Amino acid sequence: MDNKDDALRFAMKLIGLRRRSEAEIRSRLRKKGCGEDLAGETVSELYKFGYLDDAAFAGSYINDRMRFRPAGRFLIKLELREKGIADGIIEDKLSELLGEEEELSLAKKLLEKKMRASPPKDGGKARARLAFYLKSRGFSPGTIDEAIRDILRTNKTTIHEDD
């Protein structure tokens, strides 16, 4: 692809399917045979007309992730980095949309759902399984401990560490 109009049309088609980051657009343009200069021009045009905005992309991604496949800050941060979003933008959007209280609330909701599906039996293994479940979803150790403690206290369930 060596024509700016074709590159722009292709990029607009991608953005029409779902929001994309600048890095995703550049990558897809290169795979389609665009040179670096043409990809840069195309990205500039997309920014100029407001079709490309990494901060808006990050905000939308975080909101969608929390709504449809809840995850902790750590995992969301990794996913956004993979999509080429700058660390500064990631931190700003995470602070704005997923503060510590929201993350804790999200972890508790996930635990409640998990415990309804398969109530834990007493024992350290059950607590470890709950912790692993939240860890695999990108929650921090502090959030995991607090969420498990709160949920077990609320549900009056005891899980002993020594079993």
C-alpha atoms as a PDB file:
ATOM      1  CA  MET A   1       0.000   0.000   0.000  1.00  0.00           C
ATOM      2  CA  ASP A   2       1.679   3.184  -1.153  1.00  0.00           C
ATOM      3  CA  ASN A   3      -1.260   5.553  -1.488  1.00  0.00           C
ATOM      4  CA  LYS A   4      -2.246   7.881   1.356  1.00  0.00           C
ATOM      5  CA  ASP A   5      -5.948   7.619   0.512  1.00  0.00           C
ATOM      6  CA  ASP A   6      -5.827   3.817   0.628  1.00  0.00           C
ATOM      7  CA  ALA A   7      -3.935   3.888   3.917  1.00  0.00           C
ATOM      8  CA  LEU A   8      -6.411   6.340   5.418  1.00  0.00           C
ATOM      9  CA  ARG A   9      -9.367   4.306   4.166  1.00  0.00           C
ATOM     10  CA  PHE A  10      -7.889   1.119   5.658  1.00  0.00           C
ATOM     11  CA  ALA A  11      -7.186   2.827   9.000  1.00  0.00           C
ATOM     12  CA  MET A  12     -10.704   4.274   9.112  1.00  0.00           C
ATOM     13  CA  LYS A  13     -12.124   0.811   8.461  1.00  0.00           C
ATOM     14  CA  LEU A  14     -10.146  -0.534  11.440  1.00  0.00           C
ATOM     15  CA  ILE A  15     -11.285   2.302  13.682  1.00  0.00           C
ATOM     16  CA  GLY A  16     -14.857   1.781  12.494  1.00  0.00           C
ATOM     17  CA  LEU A  17     -14.779  -1.753  13.876  1.00  0.00           C
ATOM     18  CA  ARG A  18     -13.503  -0.634  17.305  1.00  0.00           C
ATOM     19  CA  ARG A  19     -11.308   2.038  18.852  1.00  0.00           C
ATOM     20  CA  ARG A  20      -7.607   1.518  18.246  1.00  0.00           C
ATOM     21  CA  SER A  21      -4.416   2.872  19.723  1.00  0.00           C
ATOM     22  CA  GLU A  22      -1.833   4.644  17.611  1.00  0.00           C
ATOM     23  CA  ALA A  23       0.527   1.670  17.932  1.00  0.00           C
ATOM     24  CA  GLU A  24      -2.185  -0.734  16.731  1.00  0.00           C
ATOM     25  CA  ILE A  25      -2.898   1.416  13.669  1.00  0.00           C
ATOM     26  CA  ARG A  26       0.798   1.761  12.827  1.00  0.00           C
ATOM     27  CA  SER A  27       1.310  -1.976  13.205  1.00  0.00           C
ATOM     28  CA  ARG A  28      -1.647  -2.869  10.990  1.00  0.00           C
ATOM     29  CA  LEU A  29      -0.581  -0.339   8.345  1.00  0.00           C
ATOM     30  CA  ARG A  30       2.942  -1.812   8.270  1.00  0.00           C
ATOM     31  CA  LYS A  31       1.511  -5.341   7.934  1.00  0.00           C
ATOM     32  CA  LYS A  32      -0.538  -4.082   5.002  1.00  0.00           C
ATOM     33  CA  GLY A  33       2.659  -2.889   3.297  1.00  0.00           C
ATOM     34  CA  CYS A  34       2.723   0.778   4.282  1.00  0.00           C
ATOM     35  CA  GLY A  35       6.096   2.416   4.669  1.00  0.00           C
ATOM     36  CA  GLU A  36       6.963   4.180   7.926  1.00  0.00           C
ATOM     37  CA  ASP A  37       6.531   7.650   6.376  1.00  0.00           C
ATOM     38  CA  LEU A  38       3.095   6.865   4.968  1.00  0.00           C
ATOM     39  CA  ALA A  39       2.008   5.286   8.247  1.00  0.00           C
ATOM     40  CA  GLY A  40       3.161   8.422  10.086  1.00  0.00           C
ATOM     41  CA  GLU A  41       1.245  10.693   7.723  1.00  0.00           C
ATOM     42  CA  THR A  42      -1.862   8.562   8.076  1.00  0.00           C
ATOM     43  CA  VAL A  43      -1.662   8.612  11.876  1.00  0.00           C
ATOM     44  CA  SER A  44      -1.201  12.406  11.799  1.00  0.00           C
ATOM     45  CA  GLU A  45      -4.340  12.765   9.683  1.00  0.00           C
ATOM     46  CA  LEU A  46      -6.294  10.541  12.063  1.00  0.00           C
ATOM     47  CA  TYR A  47      -5.196  12.671  15.035  1.00  0.00           C
ATOM     48  CA  LYS A  48      -5.985  15.865  13.148  1.00  0.00           C
ATOM     49  CA  PHE A  49      -9.573  14.800  12.530  1.00  0.00           C
ATOM     50  CA  GLY A  50     -10.037  13.331  16.016  1.00  0.00           C
ATOM     51  CA  TYR A  51     -10.295   9.688  14.990  1.00  0.00           C
ATOM     52  CA  LEU A  52      -7.248   8.667  16.983  1.00  0.00           C
ATOM     53  CA  ASP A  53      -6.674   9.516  20.641  1.00  0.00           C
ATOM     54  CA  ASP A  54      -4.686   7.218  22.917  1.00  0.00           C
ATOM     55  CA  ALA A  55      -6.081   8.801  26.103  1.00  0.00           C
ATOM     56  CA  ALA A  56      -9.679   8.290  24.955  1.00  0.00           C
ATOM     57  CA  PHE A  57      -8.789   4.767  23.848  1.00  0.00           C
ATOM     58  CA  ALA A  58      -7.316   3.958  27.272  1.00  0.00           C
ATOM     59  CA  GLY A  59     -10.370   5.350  29.072  1.00  0.00           C
ATOM     60  CA  SER A  60     -12.737   3.377  26.882  1.00  0.00           C
ATOM     61  CA  TYR A  61     -10.659   0.214  27.277  1.00  0.00           C
ATOM     62  CA  ILE A  62     -10.619   0.509  31.081  1.00  0.00           C
ATOM     63  CA  ASN A  63     -14.374   1.123  31.251  1.00  0.00           C
ATOM     64  CA  ASP A  64     -15.104  -1.829  28.981  1.00  0.00           C
ATOM     65  CA  ARG A  65     -12.704  -4.067  30.889  1.00  0.00           C
ATOM     66  CA  MET A  66     -14.325  -3.203  34.232  1.00  0.00           C
ATOM     67  CA  ARG A  67     -17.818  -3.730  32.865  1.00  0.00           C
ATOM     68  CA  PHE A  68     -17.410  -6.912  30.820  1.00  0.00           C
ATOM     69  CA  ARG A  69     -14.334  -8.746  32.123  1.00  0.00           C
ATOM     70  CA  PRO A  70     -13.373  -7.168  35.456  1.00  0.00           C
ATOM     71  CA  ALA A  71      -9.681  -7.072  36.236  1.00  0.00           C
ATOM     72  CA  GLY A  72      -7.281  -5.331  38.581  1.00  0.00           C
ATOM     73  CA  ARG A  73      -5.037  -2.391  37.836  1.00  0.00           C
ATOM     74  CA  PHE A  74      -1.963  -4.530  37.233  1.00  0.00           C
ATOM     75  CA  LEU A  75      -3.509  -6.627  34.461  1.00  0.00           C
ATOM     76  CA  ILE A  76      -5.194  -3.652  32.795  1.00  0.00           C
ATOM     77  CA  LYS A  77      -1.884  -1.785  32.857  1.00  0.00           C
ATOM     78  CA  LEU A  78      -0.130  -4.711  31.150  1.00  0.00           C
ATOM     79  CA  GLU A  79      -2.815  -4.986  28.492  1.00  0.00           C
ATOM     80  CA  LEU A  80      -2.685  -1.272  27.697  1.00  0.00           C
ATOM     81  CA  ARG A  81       1.122  -1.386  27.467  1.00  0.00           C
ATOM     82  CA  GLU A  82       0.798  -4.240  24.966  1.00  0.00           C
ATOM     83  CA  LYS A  83      -1.468  -1.988  22.922  1.00  0.00           C
ATOM     84  CA  GLY A  84       1.224   0.695  22.855  1.00  0.00           C
ATOM     85  CA  ILE A  85      -0.275   3.174  25.311  1.00  0.00           C
ATOM     86  CA  ALA A  86       2.261   5.365  27.142  1.00  0.00           C
ATOM     87  CA  ASP A  87       2.714   4.760  30.883  1.00  0.00           C
ATOM     88  CA  GLY A  88       1.732   8.342  31.726  1.00  0.00           C
ATOM     89  CA  ILE A  89      -1.603   7.996  29.958  1.00  0.00           C
ATOM     90  CA  ILE A  90      -2.210   4.610  31.592  1.00  0.00           C
ATOM     91  CA  GLU A  91      -1.541   5.960  35.083  1.00  0.00           C
ATOM     92  CA  ASP A  92      -3.732   9.029  34.531  1.00  0.00           C
ATOM     93  CA  LYS A  93      -6.668   7.001  33.260  1.00  0.00           C
ATOM     94  CA  LEU A  94      -6.336   4.296  35.920  1.00  0.00           C
ATOM     95  CA  SER A  95      -6.247   6.940  38.658  1.00  0.00           C
ATOM     96  CA  GLU A  96      -9.280   8.622  37.157  1.00  0.00           C
ATOM     97  CA  LEU A  97     -11.372   5.507  36.493  1.00  0.00           C
ATOM     98  CA  LEU A  98     -10.140   2.766  38.819  1.00  0.00           C
ATOM     99  CA  GLY A  99      -9.016   4.100  42.184  1.00  0.00           C
ATOM    100  CA  GLU A 100      -8.196   1.924  45.167  1.00  0.00           C
ATOM    101  CA  GLU A 101     -11.778   1.910  46.461  1.00  0.00           C
ATOM    102  CA  GLU A 102     -13.214   0.964  43.076  1.00  0.00           C
ATOM    103  CA  GLU A 103     -10.625  -1.782  42.676  1.00  0.00           C
ATOM    104  CA  LEU A 104     -11.412  -3.190  46.131  1.00  0.00           C
ATOM    105  CA  SER A 105     -15.141  -3.100  45.402  1.00  0.00           C
ATOM    106  CA  LEU A 106     -14.548  -4.889  42.103  1.00  0.00           C
ATOM    107  CA  ALA A 107     -12.438  -7.578  43.816  1.00  0.00           C
ATOM    108  CA  LYS A 108     -15.167  -8.155  46.413  1.00  0.00           C
ATOM    109  CA  LYS A 109     -17.847  -8.496  43.727  1.00  0.00           C
ATOM    110  CA  LEU A 110     -15.725 -11.066  41.920  1.00  0.00           C
ATOM    111  CA  LEU A 111     -15.188 -13.005  45.157  1.00  0.00           C
ATOM    112  CA  GLU A 112     -18.895 -12.955  45.978  1.00  0.00           C
ATOM    113  CA  LYS A 113     -19.700 -14.316  42.546  1.00  0.00           C
ATOM    114  CA  LYS A 114     -16.978 -16.972  42.854  1.00  0.00           C
ATOM    115  CA  MET A 115     -18.191 -18.016  46.310  1.00  0.00           C
ATOM    116  CA  ARG A 116     -21.808 -18.307  45.113  1.00  0.00           C
ATOM    117  CA  ALA A 117     -20.688 -20.541  42.267  1.00  0.00           C
ATOM    118  CA  SER A 118     -18.572 -22.780  44.500  1.00  0.00           C
ATOM    119  CA  PRO A 119     -18.638 -22.041  48.236  1.00  0.00           C
ATOM    120  CA  PRO A 120     -15.204 -22.485  49.806  1.00  0.00           C
ATOM    121  CA  LYS A 121     -14.643 -25.242  52.280  1.00  0.00           C
ATOM    122  CA  ASP A 122     -12.787 -24.454  55.471  1.00  0.00           C
ATOM    123  CA  GLY A 123      -9.063 -24.614  55.099  1.00  0.00           C
ATOM    124  CA  GLY A 124      -6.024 -22.723  53.935  1.00  0.00           C
ATOM    125  CA  LYS A 125      -6.344 -24.189  50.464  1.00  0.00           C
ATOM    126  CA  ALA A 126      -9.676 -22.420  49.983  1.00  0.00           C
ATOM    127  CA  ARG A 127      -8.193 -19.061  50.980  1.00  0.00           C
ATOM    128  CA  ALA A 128      -5.237 -19.686  48.680  1.00  0.00           C
ATOM    129  CA  ARG A 129      -7.608 -20.525  45.805  1.00  0.00           C
ATOM    130  CA  LEU A 130      -9.518 -17.279  46.317  1.00  0.00           C
ATOM    131  CA  ALA A 131      -6.245 -15.347  46.436  1.00  0.00           C
ATOM    132  CA  PHE A 132      -4.999 -17.052  43.267  1.00  0.00           C
ATOM    133  CA  TYR A 133      -8.282 -16.271  41.529  1.00  0.00           C
ATOM    134  CA  LEU A 134      -7.894 -12.548  42.218  1.00  0.00           C
ATOM    135  CA  LYS A 135      -4.173 -12.590  41.467  1.00  0.00           C
ATOM    136  CA  SER A 136      -4.854 -14.131  38.065  1.00  0.00           C
ATOM    137  CA  ARG A 137      -7.193 -11.222  37.400  1.00  0.00           C
ATOM    138  CA  GLY A 138      -4.469  -8.657  38.075  1.00  0.00           C
ATOM    139  CA  PHE A 139      -5.236  -7.491  41.603  1.00  0.00           C
ATOM    140  CA  SER A 140      -2.484  -6.399  43.983  1.00  0.00           C
ATOM    141  CA  PRO A 141      -1.613  -8.444  47.096  1.00  0.00           C
ATOM    142  CA  GLY A 142      -2.964  -5.725  49.399  1.00  0.00           C
ATOM    143  CA  THR A 143      -6.266  -5.563  47.571  1.00  0.00           C
ATOM    144  CA  ILE A 144      -6.504  -9.361  47.541  1.00  0.00           C
ATOM    145  CA  ASP A 145      -5.936  -9.653  51.300  1.00  0.00           C
ATOM    146  CA  GLU A 146      -8.395  -6.905  52.131  1.00  0.00           C
ATOM    147  CA  ALA A 147     -11.088  -8.234  49.779  1.00  0.00           C
ATOM    148  CA  ILE A 148     -10.819 -11.789  51.137  1.00  0.00           C
ATOM    149  CA  ARG A 149     -10.868 -10.559  54.746  1.00  0.00           C
ATOM    150  CA  ASP A 150     -13.925  -8.354  54.111  1.00  0.00           C
ATOM    151  CA  ILE A 151     -15.833 -11.007  52.192  1.00  0.00           C
ATOM    152  CA  LEU A 152     -15.172 -13.704  54.756  1.00  0.00           C
ATOM    153  CA  ARG A 153     -16.180 -11.344  57.577  1.00  0.00           C
ATOM    154  CA  THR A 154     -19.352 -10.297  55.737  1.00  0.00           C
ATOM    155  CA  ASN A 155     -20.318 -13.881  54.931  1.00  0.00           C
ATOM    156  CA  LYS A 156     -19.269 -15.048  58.385  1.00  0.00           C
ATOM    157  CA  THR A 157     -17.162 -17.720  56.757  1.00  0.00           C
ATOM    158  CA  THR A 158     -13.988 -18.844  58.414  1.00  0.00           C
ATOM    159  CA  ILE A 159     -11.104 -20.217  56.505  1.00  0.00           C
ATOM    160  CA  HIS A 160      -8.219 -21.228  58.696  1.00  0.00           C
ATOM    161  CA  GLU A 161      -4.674 -20.813  57.511  1.00  0.00           C
ATOM    162  CA  ASP A 162      -3.384 -23.926  59.279  1.00  0.00           C
ATOM    163  CA  ASP A 163      -5.493 -26.549  57.464  1.00  0.00           C
END
